[in-house]
Amino acid sequence: MYVLFEGIDTCGKTTQLNLIADKFDQVITTREPGGTEFGKHAREILLRDSLQSKRAELLLFLADRAEHYAQIVKPNPDKLILSDRGFLSGIGYALANGDFDFDHLVALNQFALEEHFPDLIILFETNLATLKDRTSAEEKELDGIELRGLEYLMRVQTHMRESLEKLSIPYLLINATETIETIHAQIVMRLNTLINR
């Protein structure tokens, strides 16, 4: 089973992914970008926010996604694969960057994923006040994408939610301002339902 943990920066998805990984057997944890050797290099480029062309940025994300699917997802159909981000983030960020068509983005991602979308997407949604608190924490060093601004990140979140509602993929919406324990229980319940069906 292939599950995406999606959401903007500081929403708590990585914390929950790690908790879930400890709860289930036969788990592979990964992330996009950065889950493969190629992905580590792509991540460095993307987080520096050094590309002038938003098309180049999109294509680098797609190249990473194709390599990630081929190396990690496709060879492990019997494992529970938990990915910190995936194609929904790719679509959300691309739409927030401007001149991209939703249907075209979906088609490009289908190509990268060899027509195999995830079995479940867990989308963590936060609010502006919580985002401000978490990004202003002293120990939090902002990466190039976070430096685009909080309003930009909130636009990305809106695009992710709207995109998810247009797709025919099972999903779980999480209020990221709730407690870690409450969120964890919601995710465990949903995954148990899928695994035991």
Protein backbone atom coordinates (compact mmCIF):
# COMPACT_ATOMS: atom_id res chain seq x y z
CA MET A 1 0.00 0.00 0.00
CA TYR A 2 1.32 3.40 -1.04
CA VAL A 3 0.36 6.29 1.28
CA LEU A 4 1.27 9.97 0.94
CA PHE A 5 1.59 12.29 3.93
CA GLU A 6 0.92 15.70 2.40
CA GLY A 7 0.87 19.26 3.66
CA ILE A 8 2.84 22.48 3.73
CA ASP A 9 5.95 23.00 5.83
CA THR A 10 5.66 22.72 9.64
CA CYS A 11 2.22 21.03 9.54
CA GLY A 12 3.43 17.97 11.50
CA LYS A 13 3.21 15.34 8.75
CA THR A 14 6.77 14.07 9.28
CA THR A 15 6.16 13.58 13.01
CA GLN A 16 3.05 11.55 12.26
CA LEU A 17 4.73 9.54 9.51
CA ASN A 18 7.43 8.45 11.96
CA LEU A 19 4.87 7.51 14.61
CA ILE A 20 2.90 5.44 12.09
CA ALA A 21 6.06 3.72 10.87
CA ASP A 22 6.63 2.44 14.42
CA LYS A 23 3.05 1.17 14.67
CA PHE A 24 2.88 -1.12 11.63
CA ASP A 25 4.92 -4.00 10.20
CA GLN A 26 6.57 -4.21 6.78
CA VAL A 27 6.94 -0.42 6.49
CA ILE A 28 9.15 1.57 4.14
CA THR A 29 9.49 5.29 4.91
CA THR A 30 10.60 7.65 2.20
CA ARG A 31 10.18 11.20 0.99
CA GLU A 32 9.88 13.34 -2.11
CA PRO A 33 12.20 14.79 -3.05
CA GLY A 34 15.10 12.97 -1.41
CA GLY A 35 14.08 9.32 -1.20
CA THR A 36 16.66 8.19 -3.78
CA GLU A 37 20.24 9.19 -4.56
CA PHE A 38 18.99 11.30 -7.46
CA GLY A 39 16.33 12.74 -5.17
CA LYS A 40 18.93 13.92 -2.65
CA HIS A 41 20.62 16.01 -5.34
CA ALA A 42 17.27 17.26 -6.65
CA ARG A 43 16.22 18.23 -3.12
CA GLU A 44 19.34 20.34 -2.64
CA ILE A 45 18.63 22.25 -5.85
CA LEU A 46 14.93 22.71 -5.11
CA LEU A 47 15.35 23.88 -1.51
CA ARG A 48 17.93 26.46 -2.57
CA ASP A 49 15.17 27.96 -4.76
CA SER A 50 17.87 28.70 -7.32
CA LEU A 51 16.03 27.82 -10.54
CA GLN A 52 14.84 30.80 -12.59
CA SER A 53 12.33 28.75 -14.57
CA LYS A 54 9.24 27.39 -12.80
CA ARG A 55 8.96 24.86 -15.63
CA ALA A 56 12.46 23.63 -14.82
CA GLU A 57 11.45 23.35 -11.16
CA LEU A 58 8.35 21.35 -12.10
CA LEU A 59 10.31 19.03 -14.38
CA LEU A 60 12.91 18.39 -11.69
CA PHE A 61 10.14 17.41 -9.26
CA LEU A 62 8.67 15.10 -11.93
CA ALA A 63 12.05 13.49 -12.66
CA ASP A 64 12.50 12.82 -8.97
CA ARG A 65 8.97 11.39 -8.77
CA ALA A 66 9.56 9.00 -11.67
CA GLU A 67 12.84 7.77 -10.16
CA HIS A 68 11.24 7.44 -6.72
CA TYR A 69 8.39 5.36 -8.11
CA ALA A 70 10.74 3.10 -10.09
CA GLN A 71 13.18 2.55 -7.22
CA ILE A 72 10.97 2.46 -4.14
CA VAL A 73 7.25 2.10 -4.82
CA LYS A 74 7.06 -0.27 -7.78
CA PRO A 75 9.44 -2.96 -6.40
CA ASN A 76 7.60 -3.15 -3.04
CA PRO A 77 3.91 -3.85 -3.69
CA ASP A 78 3.53 -5.93 -0.51
CA LYS A 79 4.97 -3.31 1.85
CA LEU A 80 3.34 -0.30 3.50
CA ILE A 81 5.12 2.62 1.86
CA LEU A 82 4.79 5.90 3.74
CA SER A 83 6.01 8.88 1.75
CA ASP A 84 6.64 12.32 3.20
CA ARG A 85 5.14 14.26 0.30
CA GLY A 86 4.43 13.21 -3.26
CA PHE A 87 2.58 14.29 -6.36
CA LEU A 88 -0.14 16.29 -4.54
CA SER A 89 2.52 18.67 -3.20
CA GLY A 90 3.94 18.86 -6.71
CA ILE A 91 0.59 19.95 -8.10
CA GLY A 92 -0.08 22.36 -5.21
CA TYR A 93 3.26 24.13 -5.55
CA ALA A 94 3.04 24.24 -9.34
CA LEU A 95 -0.42 25.85 -9.24
CA ALA A 96 0.75 28.37 -6.64
CA ASN A 97 3.65 29.27 -8.94
CA GLY A 98 1.24 30.40 -11.62
CA ASP A 99 0.78 29.49 -15.23
CA PHE A 100 0.03 25.75 -15.10
CA ASP A 101 -3.12 23.83 -16.01
CA PHE A 102 -4.49 21.34 -13.47
CA ASP A 103 -5.37 18.63 -15.99
CA HIS A 104 -1.96 18.95 -17.64
CA LEU A 105 -0.26 18.60 -14.25
CA VAL A 106 -2.30 15.49 -13.47
CA ALA A 107 -1.32 13.95 -16.82
CA LEU A 108 2.38 14.69 -16.23
CA ASN A 109 2.21 13.08 -12.81
CA GLN A 110 0.39 10.04 -14.17
CA PHE A 111 3.24 9.66 -16.64
CA ALA A 112 5.87 9.97 -13.87
CA LEU A 113 4.01 7.44 -11.69
CA GLU A 114 3.38 4.97 -14.53
CA GLU A 115 -0.39 5.52 -14.10
CA HIS A 116 -0.31 4.36 -10.44
CA PHE A 117 -1.56 6.96 -8.00
CA PRO A 118 -1.30 6.32 -4.22
CA ASP A 119 -3.83 4.18 -2.34
CA LEU A 120 -4.40 6.93 0.23
CA ILE A 121 -3.46 10.58 0.66
CA ILE A 122 -3.38 12.08 4.15
CA LEU A 123 -3.55 15.87 3.89
CA PHE A 124 -2.56 17.93 6.92
CA GLU A 125 -4.18 21.37 6.97
CA THR A 126 -3.01 24.18 9.21
CA ASN A 127 -3.94 27.83 9.67
CA LEU A 128 -1.98 31.04 9.28
CA ALA A 129 -1.57 31.65 13.03
CA THR A 130 -0.09 28.19 13.63
CA LEU A 131 2.10 28.51 10.55
CA LYS A 132 3.46 31.85 11.84
CA ASP A 133 4.22 30.34 15.25
CA ARG A 134 6.04 27.33 13.84
CA THR A 135 8.06 29.13 11.17
CA SER A 136 9.15 31.86 13.60
CA ALA A 137 10.53 29.38 16.15
CA GLU A 138 14.17 30.20 16.80
CA GLU A 139 15.44 26.73 15.97
CA LYS A 140 13.59 26.64 12.63
CA GLU A 141 15.80 27.70 9.73
CA LEU A 142 13.69 28.49 6.67
CA ASP A 143 14.56 26.87 3.35
CA GLY A 144 14.28 28.61 -0.02
CA ILE A 145 10.67 27.58 -0.58
CA GLU A 146 9.54 28.64 2.91
CA LEU A 147 11.19 32.01 2.30
CA ARG A 148 8.65 32.69 -0.47
CA GLY A 149 6.32 33.73 2.35
CA LEU A 150 3.52 32.44 4.54
CA GLU A 151 0.77 33.63 2.19
CA TYR A 152 2.45 31.62 -0.57
CA LEU A 153 2.41 28.50 1.62
CA MET A 154 -1.26 29.02 2.45
CA ARG A 155 -2.02 29.30 -1.30
CA VAL A 156 -0.18 26.01 -1.82
CA GLN A 157 -2.35 24.41 0.88
CA THR A 158 -5.53 25.69 -0.78
CA HIS A 159 -4.41 24.29 -4.13
CA MET A 160 -3.64 20.91 -2.54
CA ARG A 161 -7.10 20.72 -0.96
CA GLU A 162 -8.87 21.77 -4.16
CA SER A 163 -6.81 19.33 -6.24
CA LEU A 164 -7.49 16.47 -3.86
CA GLU A 165 -11.23 17.07 -4.11
CA LYS A 166 -11.04 16.79 -7.93
CA LEU A 167 -9.14 13.50 -7.94
CA SER A 168 -10.60 10.02 -7.50
CA ILE A 169 -8.14 8.98 -4.79
CA PRO A 170 -9.12 8.01 -1.22
CA TYR A 171 -8.03 10.68 1.25
CA LEU A 172 -8.08 11.70 4.90
CA LEU A 173 -8.13 15.35 5.93
CA ILE A 174 -6.29 16.14 9.14
CA ASN A 175 -6.66 19.29 11.23
CA ALA A 176 -2.97 19.85 11.93
CA THR A 177 -3.74 22.10 14.92
CA GLU A 178 -5.09 19.15 16.93
CA THR A 179 -2.91 17.21 19.37
CA ILE A 180 -0.33 14.71 18.15
CA GLU A 181 -2.23 11.92 19.93
CA THR A 182 -5.59 12.83 18.35
CA ILE A 183 -4.09 13.00 14.87
CA HIS A 184 -2.21 9.73 15.36
CA ALA A 185 -5.41 7.92 16.38
CA GLN A 186 -7.25 9.19 13.29
CA ILE A 187 -4.51 7.96 10.95
CA VAL A 188 -4.18 4.55 12.63
CA MET A 189 -7.94 4.02 12.39
CA ARG A 190 -8.01 4.87 8.68
CA LEU A 191 -4.98 2.72 7.83
CA ASN A 192 -6.37 -0.25 9.76
CA THR A 193 -9.62 0.06 7.81
CA LEU A 194 -7.72 0.00 4.49
CA ILE A 195 -5.36 -2.82 5.47
CA ASN A 196 -8.12 -5.06 6.83
CA ARG A 197 -10.70 -4.55 4.10
